[in-house]
């Protein structure tokens, strides 16, 4: 029987995390070139690592929603989440619902709260 020691599992986790960090950094660089151009590759990877940790603090831990969290860090600033803790800490919401709530608030803020253009 194959037995994997704890230190081996930790090595697997670190390698998977670094792969995610590298891939996310590349994806962010491609999608947000203007916003990331002042960051060298190491700085962008460090930002992604911090973002993964921040996202995990709010129980946002699946890859796609962590990436959505990272996008918000790039577009709204590293500590954007400080203004959204009510939504991010809501225990009744899963990760997708938390990120959807943030997206909805951003949409409403950029669109305005009026019902202008609404057809009756």
PDB file of N, CA and C in Angstrom:
ATOM      1  N   UNK A   1       0.837  -1.184   0.000  1.00  0.00           N
ATOM      2  CA  UNK A   1       0.000   0.000   0.000  1.00  0.00           C
ATOM      3  C   UNK A   1       0.882   1.248   0.000  1.00  0.00           C
ATOM      4  N   UNK A   2       0.497   2.208  -0.799  1.00  0.00           N
ATOM      5  CA  UNK A   2       1.224   3.470  -0.900  1.00  0.00           C
ATOM      6  C   UNK A   2       0.833   4.372   0.256  1.00  0.00           C
ATOM      7  N   UNK A   3       1.847   4.898   0.922  1.00  0.00           N
ATOM      8  CA  UNK A   3       1.605   5.815   2.025  1.00  0.00           C
ATOM      9  C   UNK A   3       2.287   7.141   1.698  1.00  0.00           C
ATOM     10  N   UNK A   4       1.536   8.208   1.808  1.00  0.00           N
ATOM     11  CA  UNK A   4       2.086   9.538   1.560  1.00  0.00           C
ATOM     12  C   UNK A   4       2.250  10.232   2.896  1.00  0.00           C
ATOM     13  N   UNK A   5       3.464  10.624   3.179  1.00  0.00           N
ATOM     14  CA  UNK A   5       3.755  11.295   4.447  1.00  0.00           C
ATOM     15  C   UNK A   5       3.239  12.737   4.417  1.00  0.00           C
ATOM     16  N   UNK A   6       3.062  13.274   5.586  1.00  0.00           N
ATOM     17  CA  UNK A   6       2.544  14.649   5.711  1.00  0.00           C
ATOM     18  C   UNK A   6       3.427  15.648   4.971  1.00  0.00           C
ATOM     19  N   UNK A   7       4.743  15.489   5.081  1.00  0.00           N
ATOM     20  CA  UNK A   7       5.626  16.440   4.407  1.00  0.00           C
ATOM     21  C   UNK A   7       5.539  16.315   2.888  1.00  0.00           C
ATOM     22  N   UNK A   8       5.227  15.130   2.393  1.00  0.00           N
ATOM     23  CA  UNK A   8       5.021  14.963   0.956  1.00  0.00           C
ATOM     24  C   UNK A   8       3.738  15.661   0.507  1.00  0.00           C
ATOM     25  N   UNK A   9       2.685  15.515   1.299  1.00  0.00           N
ATOM     26  CA  UNK A   9       1.426  16.191   0.977  1.00  0.00           C
ATOM     27  C   UNK A   9       1.618  17.707   0.972  1.00  0.00           C
ATOM     28  N   UNK A  10       2.386  18.203   1.935  1.00  0.00           N
ATOM     29  CA  UNK A  10       2.655  19.642   1.994  1.00  0.00           C
ATOM     30  C   UNK A  10       3.417  20.089   0.746  1.00  0.00           C
ATOM     31  N   UNK A  11       4.352  19.300   0.308  1.00  0.00           N
ATOM     32  CA  UNK A  11       5.101  19.620  -0.918  1.00  0.00           C
ATOM     33  C   UNK A  11       4.165  19.655  -2.126  1.00  0.00           C
ATOM     34  N   UNK A  12       3.219  18.723  -2.201  1.00  0.00           N
ATOM     35  CA  UNK A  12       2.234  18.718  -3.286  1.00  0.00           C
ATOM     36  C   UNK A  12       1.370  19.980  -3.240  1.00  0.00           C
ATOM     37  N   UNK A  13       0.940  20.356  -2.029  1.00  0.00           N
ATOM     38  CA  UNK A  13       0.112  21.556  -1.868  1.00  0.00           C
ATOM     39  C   UNK A  13       0.860  22.814  -2.316  1.00  0.00           C
ATOM     40  N   UNK A  14       2.118  22.929  -1.875  1.00  0.00           N
ATOM     41  CA  UNK A  14       2.927  24.099  -2.258  1.00  0.00           C
ATOM     42  C   UNK A  14       3.108  24.166  -3.767  1.00  0.00           C
ATOM     43  N   UNK A  15       3.367  23.025  -4.367  1.00  0.00           N
ATOM     44  CA  UNK A  15       3.569  23.000  -5.824  1.00  0.00           C
ATOM     45  C   UNK A  15       2.272  23.381  -6.552  1.00  0.00           C
ATOM     46  N   UNK A  16       1.153  22.865  -6.094  1.00  0.00           N
ATOM     47  CA  UNK A  16      -0.135  23.211  -6.718  1.00  0.00           C
ATOM     48  C   UNK A  16      -0.428  24.698  -6.538  1.00  0.00           C
ATOM     49  N   UNK A  17      -0.171  25.210  -5.354  1.00  0.00           N
ATOM     50  CA  UNK A  17      -0.416  26.636  -5.093  1.00  0.00           C
ATOM     51  C   UNK A  17       0.460  27.499  -5.994  1.00  0.00           C
ATOM     52  N   UNK A  18       1.729  27.163  -6.111  1.00  0.00           N
ATOM     53  CA  UNK A  18       2.626  27.954  -6.949  1.00  0.00           C
ATOM     54  C   UNK A  18       2.225  27.885  -8.423  1.00  0.00           C
ATOM     55  N   UNK A  19       1.723  26.745  -8.840  1.00  0.00           N
ATOM     56  CA  UNK A  19       1.212  26.641 -10.205  1.00  0.00           C
ATOM     57  C   UNK A  19       0.015  27.552 -10.412  1.00  0.00           C
ATOM     58  N   UNK A  20      -0.856  27.598  -9.411  1.00  0.00           N
ATOM     59  CA  UNK A  20      -2.020  28.489  -9.487  1.00  0.00           C
ATOM     60  C   UNK A  20      -1.567  29.952  -9.485  1.00  0.00           C
ATOM     61  N   UNK A  21      -0.616  30.275  -8.626  1.00  0.00           N
ATOM     62  CA  UNK A  21      -0.101  31.648  -8.549  1.00  0.00           C
ATOM     63  C   UNK A  21       0.486  32.066  -9.888  1.00  0.00           C
ATOM     64  N   UNK A  22       1.316  31.223 -10.461  1.00  0.00           N
ATOM     65  CA  UNK A  22       1.956  31.548 -11.742  1.00  0.00           C
ATOM     66  C   UNK A  22       0.906  31.724 -12.846  1.00  0.00           C
ATOM     67  N   UNK A  23      -0.025  30.789 -12.931  1.00  0.00           N
ATOM     68  CA  UNK A  23      -1.067  30.881 -13.955  1.00  0.00           C
ATOM     69  C   UNK A  23      -1.943  32.104 -13.783  1.00  0.00           C
ATOM     70  N   UNK A  24      -2.304  32.413 -12.546  1.00  0.00           N
ATOM     71  CA  UNK A  24      -3.142  33.583 -12.282  1.00  0.00           C
ATOM     72  C   UNK A  24      -2.397  34.874 -12.603  1.00  0.00           C
ATOM     73  N   UNK A  25      -1.118  34.918 -12.272  1.00  0.00           N
ATOM     74  CA  UNK A  25      -0.328  36.113 -12.568  1.00  0.00           C
ATOM     75  C   UNK A  25      -0.272  36.343 -14.077  1.00  0.00           C
ATOM     76  N   UNK A  26      -0.052  35.293 -14.834  1.00  0.00           N
ATOM     77  CA  UNK A  26      -0.014  35.421 -16.287  1.00  0.00           C
ATOM     78  C   UNK A  26      -1.370  35.867 -16.836  1.00  0.00           C
ATOM     79  N   UNK A  27      -2.424  35.276 -16.302  1.00  0.00           N
ATOM     80  CA  UNK A  27      -3.781  35.609 -16.753  1.00  0.00           C
ATOM     81  C   UNK A  27      -4.122  37.064 -16.422  1.00  0.00           C
ATOM     82  N   UNK A  28      -3.748  37.504 -15.210  1.00  0.00           N
ATOM     83  CA  UNK A  28      -3.997  38.894 -14.820  1.00  0.00           C
ATOM     84  C   UNK A  28      -3.191  39.862 -15.677  1.00  0.00           C
ATOM     85  N   UNK A  29      -1.954  39.501 -15.954  1.00  0.00           N
ATOM     86  CA  UNK A  29      -1.097  40.359 -16.788  1.00  0.00           C
ATOM     87  C   UNK A  29      -1.729  40.533 -18.173  1.00  0.00           C
ATOM     88  N   UNK A  30      -2.234  39.444 -18.723  1.00  0.00           N
ATOM     89  CA  UNK A  30      -2.837  39.503 -20.062  1.00  0.00           C
ATOM     90  C   UNK A  30      -4.147  40.292 -20.048  1.00  0.00           C
ATOM     91  N   UNK A  31      -4.956  40.098 -19.020  1.00  0.00           N
ATOM     92  CA  UNK A  31      -6.278  40.739 -18.970  1.00  0.00           C
ATOM     93  C   UNK A  31      -6.219  42.187 -18.492  1.00  0.00           C
ATOM     94  N   UNK A  32      -5.244  42.500 -17.670  1.00  0.00           N
ATOM     95  CA  UNK A  32      -5.150  43.831 -17.050  1.00  0.00           C
ATOM     96  C   UNK A  32      -3.753  44.414 -17.257  1.00  0.00           C
ATOM     97  N   UNK A  33      -3.343  44.456 -18.505  1.00  0.00           N
ATOM     98  CA  UNK A  33      -1.986  44.897 -18.816  1.00  0.00           C
ATOM     99  C   UNK A  33      -1.698  46.294 -18.268  1.00  0.00           C
ATOM    100  N   UNK A  34      -2.606  47.231 -18.490  1.00  0.00           N
ATOM    101  CA  UNK A  34      -2.371  48.597 -18.026  1.00  0.00           C
ATOM    102  C   UNK A  34      -2.231  48.672 -16.509  1.00  0.00           C
ATOM    103  N   UNK A  35      -3.094  47.946 -15.802  1.00  0.00           N
ATOM    104  CA  UNK A  35      -3.074  47.997 -14.341  1.00  0.00           C
ATOM    105  C   UNK A  35      -1.882  47.258 -13.738  1.00  0.00           C
ATOM    106  N   UNK A  36      -1.293  46.325 -14.464  1.00  0.00           N
ATOM    107  CA  UNK A  36      -0.186  45.529 -13.910  1.00  0.00           C
ATOM    108  C   UNK A  36       1.177  45.911 -14.470  1.00  0.00           C
ATOM    109  N   UNK A  37       1.225  46.854 -15.382  1.00  0.00           N
ATOM    110  CA  UNK A  37       2.501  47.151 -16.056  1.00  0.00           C
ATOM    111  C   UNK A  37       3.575  47.677 -15.112  1.00  0.00           C
ATOM    112  N   UNK A  38       3.195  48.280 -14.015  1.00  0.00           N
ATOM    113  CA  UNK A  38       4.183  48.809 -13.064  1.00  0.00           C
ATOM    114  C   UNK A  38       4.739  47.729 -12.134  1.00  0.00           C
ATOM    115  N   UNK A  39       4.139  46.551 -12.169  1.00  0.00           N
ATOM    116  CA  UNK A  39       4.597  45.445 -11.317  1.00  0.00           C
ATOM    117  C   UNK A  39       5.498  44.523 -12.122  1.00  0.00           C
ATOM    118  N   UNK A  40       6.676  44.211 -11.579  1.00  0.00           N
ATOM    119  CA  UNK A  40       7.478  43.192 -12.238  1.00  0.00           C
ATOM    120  C   UNK A  40       6.858  41.832 -11.921  1.00  0.00           C
ATOM    121  N   UNK A  41       7.344  40.795 -12.557  1.00  0.00           N
ATOM    122  CA  UNK A  41       6.726  39.463 -12.404  1.00  0.00           C
ATOM    123  C   UNK A  41       6.731  38.980 -10.962  1.00  0.00           C
ATOM    124  N   UNK A  42       7.840  39.185 -10.242  1.00  0.00           N
ATOM    125  CA  UNK A  42       7.899  38.749  -8.842  1.00  0.00           C
ATOM    126  C   UNK A  42       6.888  39.499  -7.983  1.00  0.00           C
ATOM    127  N   UNK A  43       6.759  40.796  -8.205  1.00  0.00           N
ATOM    128  CA  UNK A  43       5.802  41.597  -7.427  1.00  0.00           C
ATOM    129  C   UNK A  43       4.366  41.166  -7.715  1.00  0.00           C
ATOM    130  N   UNK A  44       4.072  40.865  -8.969  1.00  0.00           N
ATOM    131  CA  UNK A  44       2.727  40.413  -9.314  1.00  0.00           C
ATOM    132  C   UNK A  44       2.444  39.053  -8.670  1.00  0.00           C
ATOM    133  N   UNK A  45       3.414  38.158  -8.704  1.00  0.00           N
ATOM    134  CA  UNK A  45       3.213  36.858  -8.045  1.00  0.00           C
ATOM    135  C   UNK A  45       3.011  37.032  -6.539  1.00  0.00           C
ATOM    136  N   UNK A  46       3.764  37.945  -5.925  1.00  0.00           N
ATOM    137  CA  UNK A  46       3.582  38.214  -4.494  1.00  0.00           C
ATOM    138  C   UNK A  46       2.185  38.750  -4.213  1.00  0.00           C
ATOM    139  N   UNK A  47       1.704  39.639  -5.079  1.00  0.00           N
ATOM    140  CA  UNK A  47       0.345  40.171  -4.932  1.00  0.00           C
ATOM    141  C   UNK A  47      -0.679  39.040  -5.034  1.00  0.00           C
ATOM    142  N   UNK A  48      -0.478  38.138  -5.974  1.00  0.00           N
ATOM    143  CA  UNK A  48      -1.397  37.008  -6.135  1.00  0.00           C
ATOM    144  C   UNK A  48      -1.358  36.128  -4.891  1.00  0.00           C
ATOM    145  N   UNK A  49      -0.180  35.856  -4.355  1.00  0.00           N
ATOM    146  CA  UNK A  49      -0.083  35.035  -3.134  1.00  0.00           C
ATOM    147  C   UNK A  49      -0.849  35.684  -1.982  1.00  0.00           C
ATOM    148  N   UNK A  50      -0.678  36.996  -1.805  1.00  0.00           N
ATOM    149  CA  UNK A  50      -1.417  37.688  -0.742  1.00  0.00           C
ATOM    150  C   UNK A  50      -2.911  37.624  -1.005  1.00  0.00           C
ATOM    151  N   UNK A  51      -3.289  37.794  -2.268  1.00  0.00           N
ATOM    152  CA  UNK A  51      -4.707  37.743  -2.620  1.00  0.00           C
ATOM    153  C   UNK A  51      -5.331  36.391  -2.336  1.00  0.00           C
ATOM    154  N   UNK A  52      -4.601  35.333  -2.624  1.00  0.00           N
ATOM    155  CA  UNK A  52      -5.099  33.981  -2.314  1.00  0.00           C
ATOM    156  C   UNK A  52      -5.328  33.865  -0.812  1.00  0.00           C
ATOM    157  N   UNK A  53      -4.389  34.352  -0.033  1.00  0.00           N
ATOM    158  CA  UNK A  53      -4.544  34.300   1.428  1.00  0.00           C
ATOM    159  C   UNK A  53      -5.742  35.126   1.887  1.00  0.00           C
ATOM    160  N   UNK A  54      -5.883  36.342   1.344  1.00  0.00           N
ATOM    161  CA  UNK A  54      -7.030  37.186   1.707  1.00  0.00           C
ATOM    162  C   UNK A  54      -8.341  36.484   1.342  1.00  0.00           C
ATOM    163  N   UNK A  55      -8.407  35.931   0.151  1.00  0.00           N
ATOM    164  CA  UNK A  55      -9.628  35.254  -0.296  1.00  0.00           C
ATOM    165  C   UNK A  55      -9.967  34.098   0.638  1.00  0.00           C
ATOM    166  N   UNK A  56      -8.966  33.319   1.001  1.00  0.00           N
ATOM    167  CA  UNK A  56      -9.194  32.193   1.909  1.00  0.00           C
ATOM    168  C   UNK A  56      -9.728  32.674   3.258  1.00  0.00           C
ATOM    169  N   UNK A  57      -9.268  33.848   3.702  1.00  0.00           N
ATOM    170  CA  UNK A  57      -9.766  34.400   4.970  1.00  0.00           C
ATOM    171  C   UNK A  57     -11.280  34.602   4.940  1.00  0.00           C
ATOM    172  N   UNK A  58     -11.840  34.791   3.750  1.00  0.00           N
ATOM    173  CA  UNK A  58     -13.280  34.994   3.588  1.00  0.00           C
ATOM    174  C   UNK A  58     -13.980  33.755   3.039  1.00  0.00           C
ATOM    175  N   UNK A  59     -13.327  32.610   3.152  1.00  0.00           N
ATOM    176  CA  UNK A  59     -13.877  31.334   2.659  1.00  0.00           C
ATOM    177  C   UNK A  59     -14.166  31.375   1.164  1.00  0.00           C
ATOM    178  N   UNK A  60     -13.377  32.115   0.441  1.00  0.00           N
ATOM    179  CA  UNK A  60     -13.414  32.103  -1.017  1.00  0.00           C
ATOM    180  C   UNK A  60     -12.192  31.290  -1.413  1.00  0.00           C
ATOM    181  N   UNK A  61     -12.417  30.017  -1.754  1.00  0.00           N
ATOM    182  CA  UNK A  61     -11.258  29.143  -1.922  1.00  0.00           C
ATOM    183  C   UNK A  61     -11.252  28.321  -3.204  1.00  0.00           C
ATOM    184  N   UNK A  62     -12.329  28.367  -3.983  1.00  0.00           N
ATOM    185  CA  UNK A  62     -12.286  27.643  -5.255  1.00  0.00           C
ATOM    186  C   UNK A  62     -11.557  28.507  -6.278  1.00  0.00           C
ATOM    187  N   UNK A  63     -10.904  27.873  -7.205  1.00  0.00           N
ATOM    188  CA  UNK A  63      -9.997  28.572  -8.125  1.00  0.00           C
ATOM    189  C   UNK A  63     -10.644  29.737  -8.858  1.00  0.00           C
ATOM    190  N   UNK A  64     -11.820  29.523  -9.399  1.00  0.00           N
ATOM    191  CA  UNK A  64     -12.428  30.581 -10.210  1.00  0.00           C
ATOM    192  C   UNK A  64     -12.832  31.786  -9.364  1.00  0.00           C
ATOM    193  N   UNK A  65     -13.378  31.568  -8.180  1.00  0.00           N
ATOM    194  CA  UNK A  65     -13.767  32.697  -7.343  1.00  0.00           C
ATOM    195  C   UNK A  65     -12.556  33.386  -6.722  1.00  0.00           C
ATOM    196  N   UNK A  66     -11.502  32.642  -6.445  1.00  0.00           N
ATOM    197  CA  UNK A  66     -10.267  33.290  -5.993  1.00  0.00           C
ATOM    198  C   UNK A  66      -9.767  34.201  -7.109  1.00  0.00           C
ATOM    199  N   UNK A  67      -9.843  33.730  -8.348  1.00  0.00           N
ATOM    200  CA  UNK A  67      -9.403  34.575  -9.463  1.00  0.00           C
ATOM    201  C   UNK A  67     -10.276  35.832  -9.568  1.00  0.00           C
ATOM    202  N   UNK A  68     -11.566  35.696  -9.360  1.00  0.00           N
ATOM    203  CA  UNK A  68     -12.446  36.870  -9.364  1.00  0.00           C
ATOM    204  C   UNK A  68     -12.021  37.846  -8.270  1.00  0.00           C
ATOM    205  N   UNK A  69     -11.659  37.306  -7.106  1.00  0.00           N
ATOM    206  CA  UNK A  69     -11.165  38.119  -5.996  1.00  0.00           C
ATOM    207  C   UNK A  69      -9.889  38.858  -6.426  1.00  0.00           C
ATOM    208  N   UNK A  70      -8.990  38.143  -7.094  1.00  0.00           N
ATOM    209  CA  UNK A  70      -7.742  38.743  -7.576  1.00  0.00           C
ATOM    210  C   UNK A  70      -8.018  39.850  -8.583  1.00  0.00           C
ATOM    211  N   UNK A  71      -8.981  39.633  -9.458  1.00  0.00           N
ATOM    212  CA  UNK A  71      -9.344  40.672 -10.426  1.00  0.00           C
ATOM    213  C   UNK A  71      -9.757  41.956  -9.709  1.00  0.00           C
ATOM    214  N   UNK A  72     -10.549  41.787  -8.653  1.00  0.00           N
ATOM    215  CA  UNK A  72     -10.995  42.970  -7.896  1.00  0.00           C
ATOM    216  C   UNK A  72      -9.813  43.665  -7.224  1.00  0.00           C
ATOM    217  N   UNK A  73      -8.832  42.897  -6.772  1.00  0.00           N
ATOM    218  CA  UNK A  73      -7.639  43.514  -6.195  1.00  0.00           C
ATOM    219  C   UNK A  73      -6.918  44.364  -7.235  1.00  0.00           C
ATOM    220  N   UNK A  74      -6.865  43.873  -8.462  1.00  0.00           N
ATOM    221  CA  UNK A  74      -6.183  44.603  -9.532  1.00  0.00           C
ATOM    222  C   UNK A  74      -6.969  45.853  -9.912  1.00  0.00           C
ATOM    223  N   UNK A  75      -8.275  45.738 -10.044  1.00  0.00           N
ATOM    224  CA  UNK A  75      -9.076  46.868 -10.526  1.00  0.00           C
ATOM    225  C   UNK A  75      -9.445  47.864  -9.429  1.00  0.00           C
ATOM    226  N   UNK A  76      -9.613  47.372  -8.183  1.00  0.00           N
ATOM    227  CA  UNK A  76     -10.112  48.239  -7.108  1.00  0.00           C
ATOM    228  C   UNK A  76      -9.104  48.491  -5.998  1.00  0.00           C
ATOM    229  N   UNK A  77      -7.936  47.880  -6.075  1.00  0.00           N
ATOM    230  CA  UNK A  77      -6.904  48.063  -5.053  1.00  0.00           C
ATOM    231  C   UNK A  77      -6.766  46.836  -4.171  1.00  0.00           C
ATOM    232  N   UNK A  78      -5.558  46.641  -3.680  1.00  0.00           N
ATOM    233  CA  UNK A  78      -5.255  45.423  -2.932  1.00  0.00           C
ATOM    234  C   UNK A  78      -6.199  45.180  -1.767  1.00  0.00           C
ATOM    235  N   UNK A  79      -6.610  46.232  -1.097  1.00  0.00           N
ATOM    236  CA  UNK A  79      -7.438  46.055   0.098  1.00  0.00           C
ATOM    237  C   UNK A  79      -8.909  46.401  -0.151  1.00  0.00           C
ATOM    238  N   UNK A  80      -9.371  46.195  -1.381  1.00  0.00           N
ATOM    239  CA  UNK A  80     -10.760  46.508  -1.745  1.00  0.00           C
ATOM    240  C   UNK A  80     -11.756  45.854  -0.807  1.00  0.00           C
ATOM    241  N   UNK A  81     -11.419  44.689  -0.302  1.00  0.00           N
ATOM    242  CA  UNK A  81     -12.346  43.874   0.490  1.00  0.00           C
ATOM    243  C   UNK A  81     -12.725  44.522   1.809  1.00  0.00           C
ATOM    244  N   UNK A  82     -11.934  45.465   2.279  1.00  0.00           N
ATOM    245  CA  UNK A  82     -12.244  46.116   3.555  1.00  0.00           C
ATOM    246  C   UNK A  82     -13.580  46.849   3.515  1.00  0.00           C
ATOM    247  N   UNK A  83     -14.005  47.250   2.348  1.00  0.00           N
ATOM    248  CA  UNK A  83     -15.298  47.915   2.229  1.00  0.00           C
ATOM    249  C   UNK A  83     -16.449  46.960   1.957  1.00  0.00           C
ATOM    250  N   UNK A  84     -16.150  45.667   1.913  1.00  0.00           N
ATOM    251  CA  UNK A  84     -17.161  44.677   1.544  1.00  0.00           C
ATOM    252  C   UNK A  84     -17.240  43.520   2.535  1.00  0.00           C
ATOM    253  N   UNK A  85     -16.809  43.755   3.749  1.00  0.00           N
ATOM    254  CA  UNK A  85     -16.740  42.650   4.709  1.00  0.00           C
ATOM    255  C   UNK A  85     -18.108  42.081   5.053  1.00  0.00           C
ATOM    256  N   UNK A  86     -19.142  42.910   5.038  1.00  0.00           N
ATOM    257  CA  UNK A  86     -20.482  42.398   5.334  1.00  0.00           C
ATOM    258  C   UNK A  86     -20.847  41.283   4.360  1.00  0.00           C
ATOM    259  N   UNK A  87     -20.610  41.508   3.075  1.00  0.00           N
ATOM    260  CA  UNK A  87     -20.918  40.487   2.075  1.00  0.00           C
ATOM    261  C   UNK A  87     -19.955  39.303   2.159  1.00  0.00           C
ATOM    262  N   UNK A  88     -18.679  39.595   2.353  1.00  0.00           N
ATOM    263  CA  UNK A  88     -17.677  38.526   2.347  1.00  0.00           C
ATOM    264  C   UNK A  88     -17.726  37.646   3.587  1.00  0.00           C
ATOM    265  N   UNK A  89     -18.224  38.181   4.686  1.00  0.00           N
ATOM    266  CA  UNK A  89     -18.299  37.401   5.925  1.00  0.00           C
ATOM    267  C   UNK A  89     -19.662  36.749   6.145  1.00  0.00           C
ATOM    268  N   UNK A  90     -20.581  36.943   5.236  1.00  0.00           N
ATOM    269  CA  UNK A  90     -21.929  36.394   5.367  1.00  0.00           C
ATOM    270  C   UNK A  90     -21.872  34.861   5.305  1.00  0.00           C
ATOM    271  N   UNK A  91     -22.162  34.193   6.433  1.00  0.00           N
ATOM    272  CA  UNK A  91     -22.047  32.731   6.459  1.00  0.00           C
ATOM    273  C   UNK A  91     -23.123  32.017   5.636  1.00  0.00           C
ATOM    274  N   UNK A  92     -24.151  32.742   5.235  1.00  0.00           N
ATOM    275  CA  UNK A  92     -25.208  32.102   4.450  1.00  0.00           C
ATOM    276  C   UNK A  92     -24.865  32.055   2.961  1.00  0.00           C
ATOM    277  N   UNK A  93     -23.775  32.699   2.574  1.00  0.00           N
ATOM    278  CA  UNK A  93     -23.381  32.745   1.164  1.00  0.00           C
ATOM    279  C   UNK A  93     -22.175  31.855   0.891  1.00  0.00           C
ATOM    280  N   UNK A  94     -22.218  31.186  -0.253  1.00  0.00           N
ATOM    281  CA  UNK A  94     -21.032  30.451  -0.675  1.00  0.00           C
ATOM    282  C   UNK A  94     -20.112  31.423  -1.424  1.00  0.00           C
ATOM    283  N   UNK A  95     -18.967  30.935  -1.875  1.00  0.00           N
ATOM    284  CA  UNK A  95     -17.980  31.805  -2.514  1.00  0.00           C
ATOM    285  C   UNK A  95     -18.542  32.504  -3.748  1.00  0.00           C
ATOM    286  N   UNK A  96     -19.258  31.775  -4.568  1.00  0.00           N
ATOM    287  CA  UNK A  96     -19.823  32.370  -5.784  1.00  0.00           C
ATOM    288  C   UNK A  96     -20.826  33.459  -5.426  1.00  0.00           C
ATOM    289  N   UNK A  97     -21.663  33.224  -4.444  1.00  0.00           N
ATOM    290  CA  UNK A  97     -22.647  34.225  -4.037  1.00  0.00           C
ATOM    291  C   UNK A  97     -21.967  35.467  -3.470  1.00  0.00           C
ATOM    292  N   UNK A  98     -20.874  35.278  -2.735  1.00  0.00           N
ATOM    293  CA  UNK A  98     -20.135  36.425  -2.201  1.00  0.00           C
ATOM    294  C   UNK A  98     -19.569  37.269  -3.335  1.00  0.00           C
ATOM    295  N   UNK A  99     -18.935  36.622  -4.296  1.00  0.00           N
ATOM    296  CA  UNK A  99     -18.342  37.370  -5.402  1.00  0.00           C
ATOM    297  C   UNK A  99     -19.417  37.970  -6.294  1.00  0.00           C
ATOM    298  N   UNK A 100     -20.523  37.268  -6.483  1.00  0.00           N
ATOM    299  CA  UNK A 100     -21.642  37.825  -7.253  1.00  0.00           C
ATOM    300  C   UNK A 100     -22.188  39.084  -6.581  1.00  0.00           C
ATOM    301  N   UNK A 101     -22.273  39.071  -5.251  1.00  0.00           N
ATOM    302  CA  UNK A 101     -22.770  40.242  -4.517  1.00  0.00           C
ATOM    303  C   UNK A 101     -21.856  41.444  -4.752  1.00  0.00           C
ATOM    304  N   UNK A 102     -20.551  41.213  -4.752  1.00  0.00           N
ATOM    305  CA  UNK A 102     -19.611  42.308  -5.005  1.00  0.00           C
ATOM    306  C   UNK A 102     -19.746  42.820  -6.436  1.00  0.00           C
ATOM    307  N   UNK A 103     -19.879  41.888  -7.376  1.00  0.00           N
ATOM    308  CA  UNK A 103     -20.051  42.289  -8.771  1.00  0.00           C
ATOM    309  C   UNK A 103     -21.341  43.086  -8.957  1.00  0.00           C
ATOM    310  N   UNK A 104     -22.403  42.651  -8.298  1.00  0.00           N
ATOM    311  CA  UNK A 104     -23.686  43.350  -8.410  1.00  0.00           C
ATOM    312  C   UNK A 104     -23.564  44.763  -7.852  1.00  0.00           C
ATOM    313  N   UNK A 105     -22.890  44.910  -6.720  1.00  0.00           N
ATOM    314  CA  UNK A 105     -22.714  46.247  -6.147  1.00  0.00           C
ATOM    315  C   UNK A 105     -21.899  47.136  -7.074  1.00  0.00           C
ATOM    316  N   UNK A 106     -20.863  46.581  -7.693  1.00  0.00           N
ATOM    317  CA  UNK A 106     -20.061  47.365  -8.626  1.00  0.00           C
ATOM    318  C   UNK A 106     -20.901  47.761  -9.838  1.00  0.00           C
ATOM    319  N   UNK A 107     -21.689  46.833 -10.335  1.00  0.00           N
ATOM    320  CA  UNK A 107     -22.571  47.122 -11.467  1.00  0.00           C
ATOM    321  C   UNK A 107     -23.528  48.254 -11.122  1.00  0.00           C
ATOM    322  N   UNK A 108     -24.144  48.153  -9.953  1.00  0.00           N
ATOM    323  CA  UNK A 108     -25.096  49.195  -9.531  1.00  0.00           C
ATOM    324  C   UNK A 108     -24.397  50.537  -9.362  1.00  0.00           C
ATOM    325  N   UNK A 109     -23.179  50.516  -8.841  1.00  0.00           N
ATOM    326  CA  UNK A 109     -22.446  51.768  -8.622  1.00  0.00           C
ATOM    327  C   UNK A 109     -22.058  52.423  -9.945  1.00  0.00           C
ATOM    328  N   UNK A 110     -21.679  51.620 -10.923  1.00  0.00           N
ATOM    329  CA  UNK A 110     -21.265  52.197 -12.205  1.00  0.00           C
ATOM    330  C   UNK A 110     -22.467  52.560 -13.063  1.00  0.00           C
ATOM    331  N   UNK A 111     -23.555  51.834 -12.886  1.00  0.00           N
ATOM    332  CA  UNK A 111     -24.767  52.098 -13.655  1.00  0.00           C
ATOM    333  C   UNK A 111     -25.586  53.200 -13.017  1.00  0.00           C
ATOM    334  N   UNK A 112     -25.444  53.335 -11.746  1.00  0.00           N
ATOM    335  CA  UNK A 112     -26.264  54.292 -11.005  1.00  0.00           C
ATOM    336  C   UNK A 112     -27.472  53.592 -10.442  1.00  0.00           C
ATOM    337  N   UNK A 113     -28.038  54.132  -9.437  1.00  0.00           N
ATOM    338  CA  UNK A 113     -29.165  53.469  -8.782  1.00  0.00           C
ATOM    339  C   UNK A 113     -30.506  53.815  -9.419  1.00  0.00           C
ATOM    340  N   UNK A 114     -30.480  54.695 -10.402  1.00  0.00           N
ATOM    341  CA  UNK A 114     -31.752  55.057 -11.014  1.00  0.00           C
ATOM    342  C   UNK A 114     -32.230  53.928 -11.923  1.00  0.00           C
ATOM    343  N   UNK A 115     -33.457  53.950 -12.231  1.00  0.00           N
ATOM    344  CA  UNK A 115     -34.048  52.973 -13.137  1.00  0.00           C
ATOM    345  C   UNK A 115     -34.143  53.556 -14.540  1.00  0.00           C
ATOM    346  N   UNK A 116     -33.271  54.505 -14.824  1.00  0.00           N
ATOM    347  CA  UNK A 116     -33.249  55.155 -16.114  1.00  0.00           C
ATOM    348  C   UNK A 116     -33.096  54.111 -17.220  1.00  0.00           C
ATOM    349  N   UNK A 117     -33.888  54.215 -18.216  1.00  0.00           N
ATOM    350  CA  UNK A 117     -33.839  53.265 -19.316  1.00  0.00           C
ATOM    351  C   UNK A 117     -34.701  52.048 -19.091  1.00  0.00           C
ATOM    352  N   UNK A 118     -35.302  51.944 -17.951  1.00  0.00           N
ATOM    353  CA  UNK A 118     -36.161  50.790 -17.660  1.00  0.00           C
ATOM    354  C   UNK A 118     -37.486  50.964 -18.395  1.00  0.00           C
ATOM    355  N   UNK A 119     -37.897  49.912 -19.058  1.00  0.00           N
ATOM    356  CA  UNK A 119     -39.165  49.978 -19.798  1.00  0.00           C
ATOM    357  C   UNK A 119     -40.304  49.504 -18.917  1.00  0.00           C
ATOM    358  N   UNK A 120     -41.413  50.142 -19.083  1.00  0.00           N
ATOM    359  CA  UNK A 120     -42.586  49.750 -18.298  1.00  0.00           C
ATOM    360  C   UNK A 120     -43.613  49.164 -19.205  1.00  0.00           C
TER     361      UNK A 120
END
